[in-house]
C-alpha atoms as a PDB file:
ATOM      1  CA  MET A   1      28.524 -29.399   9.258  1.00  0.00           C
ATOM      2  CA  PHE A   2      28.985 -31.846  12.154  1.00  0.00           C
ATOM      3  CA  GLU A   3      31.528 -31.309  14.942  1.00  0.00           C
ATOM      4  CA  PHE A   4      32.642 -33.609  17.757  1.00  0.00           C
ATOM      5  CA  LYS A   5      32.976 -32.335  21.359  1.00  0.00           C
ATOM      6  CA  ARG A   6      34.265 -34.479  24.176  1.00  0.00           C
ATOM      7  CA  ILE A   7      31.854 -34.903  27.058  1.00  0.00           C
ATOM      8  CA  SER A   8      32.691 -32.226  29.626  1.00  0.00           C
ATOM      9  CA  THR A   9      29.636 -31.064  31.440  1.00  0.00           C
ATOM     10  CA  LEU A  10      26.655 -32.579  33.404  1.00  0.00           C
ATOM     11  CA  GLN A  11      24.465 -31.230  30.549  1.00  0.00           C
ATOM     12  CA  ASP A  12      26.478 -33.434  28.206  1.00  0.00           C
ATOM     13  CA  ILE A  13      25.899 -36.436  30.384  1.00  0.00           C
ATOM     14  CA  LEU A  14      22.233 -35.629  30.666  1.00  0.00           C
ATOM     15  CA  PHE A  15      21.921 -35.466  26.951  1.00  0.00           C
ATOM     16  CA  VAL A  16      23.449 -38.919  26.653  1.00  0.00           C
ATOM     17  CA  TYR A  17      21.147 -40.282  29.253  1.00  0.00           C
ATOM     18  CA  GLU A  18      18.009 -38.891  27.238  1.00  0.00           C
ATOM     19  CA  LEU A  19      19.697 -40.142  23.998  1.00  0.00           C
ATOM     20  CA  GLN A  20      20.176 -43.781  25.348  1.00  0.00           C
ATOM     21  CA  LEU A  21      16.491 -43.979  26.295  1.00  0.00           C
ATOM     22  CA  CYS A  22      15.400 -43.343  22.608  1.00  0.00           C
ATOM     23  CA  THR A  23      18.181 -45.021  20.571  1.00  0.00           C
ATOM     24  CA  ASP A  24      20.279 -48.055  20.457  1.00  0.00           C
ATOM     25  CA  LEU A  25      23.556 -46.334  21.730  1.00  0.00           C
ATOM     26  CA  PHE A  26      24.075 -48.917  24.443  1.00  0.00           C
ATOM     27  CA  GLU A  27      23.195 -52.414  24.749  1.00  0.00           C
ATOM     28  CA  GLU A  28      20.616 -51.737  27.520  1.00  0.00           C
ATOM     29  CA  LYS A  29      18.613 -48.767  28.391  1.00  0.00           C
ATOM     30  CA  ILE A  30      19.088 -47.368  32.059  1.00  0.00           C
ATOM     31  CA  GLU A  31      15.875 -45.785  33.387  1.00  0.00           C
ATOM     32  CA  ASN A  32      17.341 -44.535  36.709  1.00  0.00           C
ATOM     33  CA  LYS A  33      19.010 -41.189  35.993  1.00  0.00           C
ATOM     34  CA  ASP A  34      21.241 -41.185  39.091  1.00  0.00           C
ATOM     35  CA  PHE A  35      22.448 -44.708  38.460  1.00  0.00           C
ATOM     36  CA  PHE A  36      23.177 -43.825  34.834  1.00  0.00           C
ATOM     37  CA  ILE A  37      25.079 -40.733  35.686  1.00  0.00           C
ATOM     38  CA  GLU A  38      27.347 -42.518  38.227  1.00  0.00           C
ATOM     39  CA  SER A  39      27.792 -45.569  35.966  1.00  0.00           C
ATOM     40  CA  PHE A  40      28.429 -43.558  32.807  1.00  0.00           C
ATOM     41  CA  GLN A  41      31.069 -41.307  34.658  1.00  0.00           C
ATOM     42  CA  ARG A  42      32.978 -44.406  35.783  1.00  0.00           C
ATOM     43  CA  LYS A  43      32.953 -45.825  32.266  1.00  0.00           C
ATOM     44  CA  LEU A  44      34.190 -42.602  30.850  1.00  0.00           C
ATOM     45  CA  LYS A  45      37.354 -42.976  32.948  1.00  0.00           C
ATOM     46  CA  GLY A  46      38.074 -46.528  31.924  1.00  0.00           C
ATOM     47  CA  PHE A  47      35.973 -48.303  29.381  1.00  0.00           C
ATOM     48  CA  TYR A  48      35.234 -45.747  26.684  1.00  0.00           C
ATOM     49  CA  HIS A  49      38.336 -44.702  24.746  1.00  0.00           C
ATOM     50  CA  ASP A  50      36.633 -41.876  22.931  1.00  0.00           C
ATOM     51  CA  PHE A  51      33.159 -40.503  23.645  1.00  0.00           C
ATOM     52  CA  PHE A  52      32.019 -37.441  21.774  1.00  0.00           C
ATOM     53  CA  ILE A  53      28.783 -35.460  21.543  1.00  0.00           C
ATOM     54  CA  VAL A  54      27.905 -34.803  17.990  1.00  0.00           C
ATOM     55  CA  LEU A  55      27.125 -31.078  17.307  1.00  0.00           C
ATOM     56  CA  LYS A  56      25.075 -29.793  14.284  1.00  0.00           C
ATOM     57  CA  SER A  57      25.325 -26.055  14.255  1.00  0.00           C
ATOM     58  CA  ASP A  58      26.433 -25.920  17.785  1.00  0.00           C
ATOM     59  CA  ILE A  59      23.373 -27.937  18.984  1.00  0.00           C
ATOM     60  CA  ARG A  60      23.724 -31.544  20.517  1.00  0.00           C
ATOM     61  CA  ALA A  61      22.497 -33.875  17.839  1.00  0.00           C
ATOM     62  CA  GLY A  62      23.850 -37.233  18.857  1.00  0.00           C
ATOM     63  CA  ALA A  63      26.858 -39.272  20.102  1.00  0.00           C
ATOM     64  CA  VAL A  64      29.715 -41.432  18.881  1.00  0.00           C
ATOM     65  CA  LEU A  65      31.920 -43.656  20.964  1.00  0.00           C
ATOM     66  CA  ALA A  66      34.771 -46.080  20.587  1.00  0.00           C
ATOM     67  CA  TYR A  67      35.343 -48.804  23.186  1.00  0.00           C
ATOM     68  CA  ASP A  68      36.912 -52.159  23.925  1.00  0.00           C
ATOM     69  CA  TYR A  69      40.171 -51.066  22.237  1.00  0.00           C
ATOM     70  CA  ARG A  70      42.520 -54.085  22.034  1.00  0.00           C
ATOM     71  CA  PHE A  71      46.061 -52.873  21.688  1.00  0.00           C
ATOM     72  CA  TYR A  72      47.628 -56.360  20.650  1.00  0.00           C
ATOM     73  CA  ASP A  73      44.853 -57.154  18.125  1.00  0.00           C
ATOM     74  CA  ARG A  74      44.463 -53.604  17.014  1.00  0.00           C
ATOM     75  CA  HIS A  75      40.566 -53.702  17.198  1.00  0.00           C
ATOM     76  CA  CYS A  76      38.006 -51.531  18.603  1.00  0.00           C
ATOM     77  CA  LYS A  77      34.239 -51.380  18.656  1.00  0.00           C
ATOM     78  CA  ILE A  78      32.164 -48.313  17.886  1.00  0.00           C
ATOM     79  CA  SER A  79      28.552 -46.987  18.322  1.00  0.00           C
ATOM     80  CA  ILE A  80      26.621 -44.173  17.118  1.00  0.00           C
ATOM     81  CA  ALA A  81      23.377 -42.543  17.930  1.00  0.00           C
ATOM     82  CA  LEU A  82      21.744 -39.450  16.226  1.00  0.00           C
ATOM     83  CA  GLU A  83      18.617 -37.636  17.111  1.00  0.00           C
ATOM     84  CA  ASN A  84      16.356 -37.508  13.961  1.00  0.00           C
ATOM     85  CA  GLY A  85      19.187 -38.209  11.566  1.00  0.00           C
ATOM     86  CA  ASN A  86      18.805 -39.343   8.075  1.00  0.00           C
ATOM     87  CA  LYS A  87      21.135 -41.970   6.450  1.00  0.00           C
ATOM     88  CA  GLU A  88      23.245 -39.296   4.659  1.00  0.00           C
ATOM     89  CA  ASP A  89      24.049 -37.641   7.913  1.00  0.00           C
ATOM     90  CA  ILE A  90      24.807 -40.762   9.662  1.00  0.00           C
ATOM     91  CA  VAL A  91      27.213 -41.731   6.850  1.00  0.00           C
ATOM     92  CA  LYS A  92      28.961 -38.339   7.227  1.00  0.00           C
ATOM     93  CA  ILE A  93      29.366 -38.784  10.890  1.00  0.00           C
ATOM     94  CA  ILE A  94      30.641 -42.372  10.620  1.00  0.00           C
ATOM     95  CA  LEU A  95      33.216 -41.247   8.017  1.00  0.00           C
ATOM     96  CA  LYS A  96      34.307 -38.402  10.172  1.00  0.00           C
ATOM     97  CA  PHE A  97      34.663 -40.591  13.308  1.00  0.00           C
ATOM     98  CA  MET A  98      36.537 -43.291  11.302  1.00  0.00           C
ATOM     99  CA  ASP A  99      38.937 -40.563  10.111  1.00  0.00           C
ATOM    100  CA  TYR A 100      39.523 -39.599  13.722  1.00  0.00           C
ATOM    101  CA  LEU A 101      40.099 -43.190  14.810  1.00  0.00           C
ATOM    102  CA  TYR A 102      42.515 -43.994  12.037  1.00  0.00           C
ATOM    103  CA  SER A 103      44.601 -40.952  12.891  1.00  0.00           C
ATOM    104  CA  SER A 104      44.603 -41.561  16.587  1.00  0.00           C
ATOM    105  CA  TYR A 105      45.116 -45.313  16.860  1.00  0.00           C
ATOM    106  CA  PRO A 106      47.008 -48.014  15.078  1.00  0.00           C
ATOM    107  CA  LEU A 107      43.847 -49.963  14.226  1.00  0.00           C
ATOM    108  CA  ASN A 108      43.565 -53.025  12.065  1.00  0.00           C
ATOM    109  CA  LYS A 109      39.727 -53.577  12.278  1.00  0.00           C
ATOM    110  CA  VAL A 110      36.851 -51.756  13.652  1.00  0.00           C
ATOM    111  CA  PHE A 111      33.591 -53.550  14.721  1.00  0.00           C
ATOM    112  CA  THR A 112      30.030 -52.305  15.381  1.00  0.00           C
ATOM    113  CA  TYR A 113      27.018 -54.283  16.840  1.00  0.00           C
ATOM    114  CA  GLN A 114      23.788 -53.098  15.289  1.00  0.00           C
ATOM    115  CA  GLU A 115      20.090 -53.983  15.018  1.00  0.00           C
ATOM    116  CA  ASN A 116      18.844 -50.638  13.369  1.00  0.00           C
ATOM    117  CA  ALA A 117      18.276 -51.087   9.699  1.00  0.00           C
ATOM    118  CA  LYS A 118      19.116 -47.458   8.842  1.00  0.00           C
ATOM    119  CA  LEU A 119      22.344 -47.685  10.699  1.00  0.00           C
ATOM    120  CA  ILE A 120      23.257 -50.961   9.266  1.00  0.00           C
ATOM    121  CA  GLU A 121      22.810 -49.440   5.705  1.00  0.00           C
ATOM    122  CA  ALA A 122      24.902 -46.576   6.681  1.00  0.00           C
ATOM    123  CA  PHE A 123      27.773 -48.543   7.978  1.00  0.00           C
ATOM    124  CA  ILE A 124      27.684 -50.818   4.838  1.00  0.00           C
ATOM    125  CA  GLU A 125      27.790 -47.637   2.750  1.00  0.00           C
ATOM    126  CA  CYS A 126      30.985 -46.664   4.676  1.00  0.00           C
ATOM    127  CA  GLY A 127      32.632 -49.853   3.714  1.00  0.00           C
ATOM    128  CA  PHE A 128      31.713 -52.267   6.602  1.00  0.00           C
ATOM    129  CA  ILE A 129      30.738 -55.856   5.847  1.00  0.00           C
ATOM    130  CA  GLN A 130      28.461 -58.167   7.773  1.00  0.00           C
ATOM    131  CA  GLU A 131      30.669 -60.616   9.917  1.00  0.00           C
ATOM    132  CA  ALA A 132      27.860 -62.345  11.821  1.00  0.00           C
ATOM    133  CA  LEU A 133      24.215 -62.399  12.650  1.00  0.00           C
ATOM    134  CA  LEU A 134      23.271 -63.072  16.245  1.00  0.00           C
ATOM    135  CA  GLU A 135      19.719 -64.114  16.033  1.00  0.00           C
ATOM    136  CA  GLY A 136      17.577 -63.213  19.054  1.00  0.00           C
ATOM    137  CA  TYR A 137      20.597 -61.832  20.851  1.00  0.00           C
ATOM    138  CA  ARG A 138      18.977 -58.915  22.705  1.00  0.00           C
ATOM    139  CA  PHE A 139      15.764 -58.959  24.648  1.00  0.00           C
ATOM    140  CA  ILE A 140      14.173 -55.416  24.309  1.00  0.00           C
ATOM    141  CA  GLU A 141      10.693 -54.303  25.315  1.00  0.00           C
ATOM    142  CA  GLY A 142       9.461 -57.820  25.349  1.00  0.00           C
ATOM    143  CA  GLN A 143      10.813 -59.012  22.109  1.00  0.00           C
ATOM    144  CA  ARG A 144      13.933 -60.924  20.742  1.00  0.00           C
ATOM    145  CA  LYS A 145      16.034 -58.682  18.527  1.00  0.00           C
ATOM    146  CA  ASP A 146      18.686 -59.857  15.943  1.00  0.00           C
ATOM    147  CA  ILE A 147      22.092 -58.084  16.198  1.00  0.00           C
ATOM    148  CA  TYR A 148      24.326 -57.772  13.231  1.00  0.00           C
ATOM    149  CA  ILE A 149      28.160 -57.633  13.749  1.00  0.00           C
ATOM    150  CA  LEU A 150      29.738 -55.416  11.064  1.00  0.00           C
ATOM    151  CA  SER A 151      33.379 -54.621  10.599  1.00  0.00           C
ATOM    152  CA  VAL A 152      35.689 -52.867   8.359  1.00  0.00           C
ATOM    153  CA  LYS A 153      39.410 -53.927   7.898  1.00  0.00           C
ATOM    154  CA  LEU A 154      42.042 -51.295   7.493  1.00  0.00           C
ATOM    155  CA  ASN A 155      45.054 -51.636   5.126  1.00  0.00           C
END
């Protein structure tokens, strides 16, 4: 039902630009499109380890990414954003992405930083546990938002 496609075109990057404006894909939203494109292309080369567009019936539906991979600790962080996704779809995408990560990297633990209740529930359903609560960690649209750090340990 869902497929992953590596970002390869300007249209993919523009989709991510629009997605980050309406979701919690990144810690901060970047309004300036040209700045976003330049910054994102730079991060694709050195910061993100895996960044995929999520396709549903060949239509762009969201994105998943792994970043901050630590070879010696065997940890990484992940983020997900889905346009109009229900919790069941989000769970399917998380599980598919985790299968990919497990088969691609020698990971011990995977972390995610979330504020969205639906995403938190989906990650917990996938076996993640709450490690910490960072109260008032992000300042978004004039309000302080709590961030939950969730993780899943492998093996």
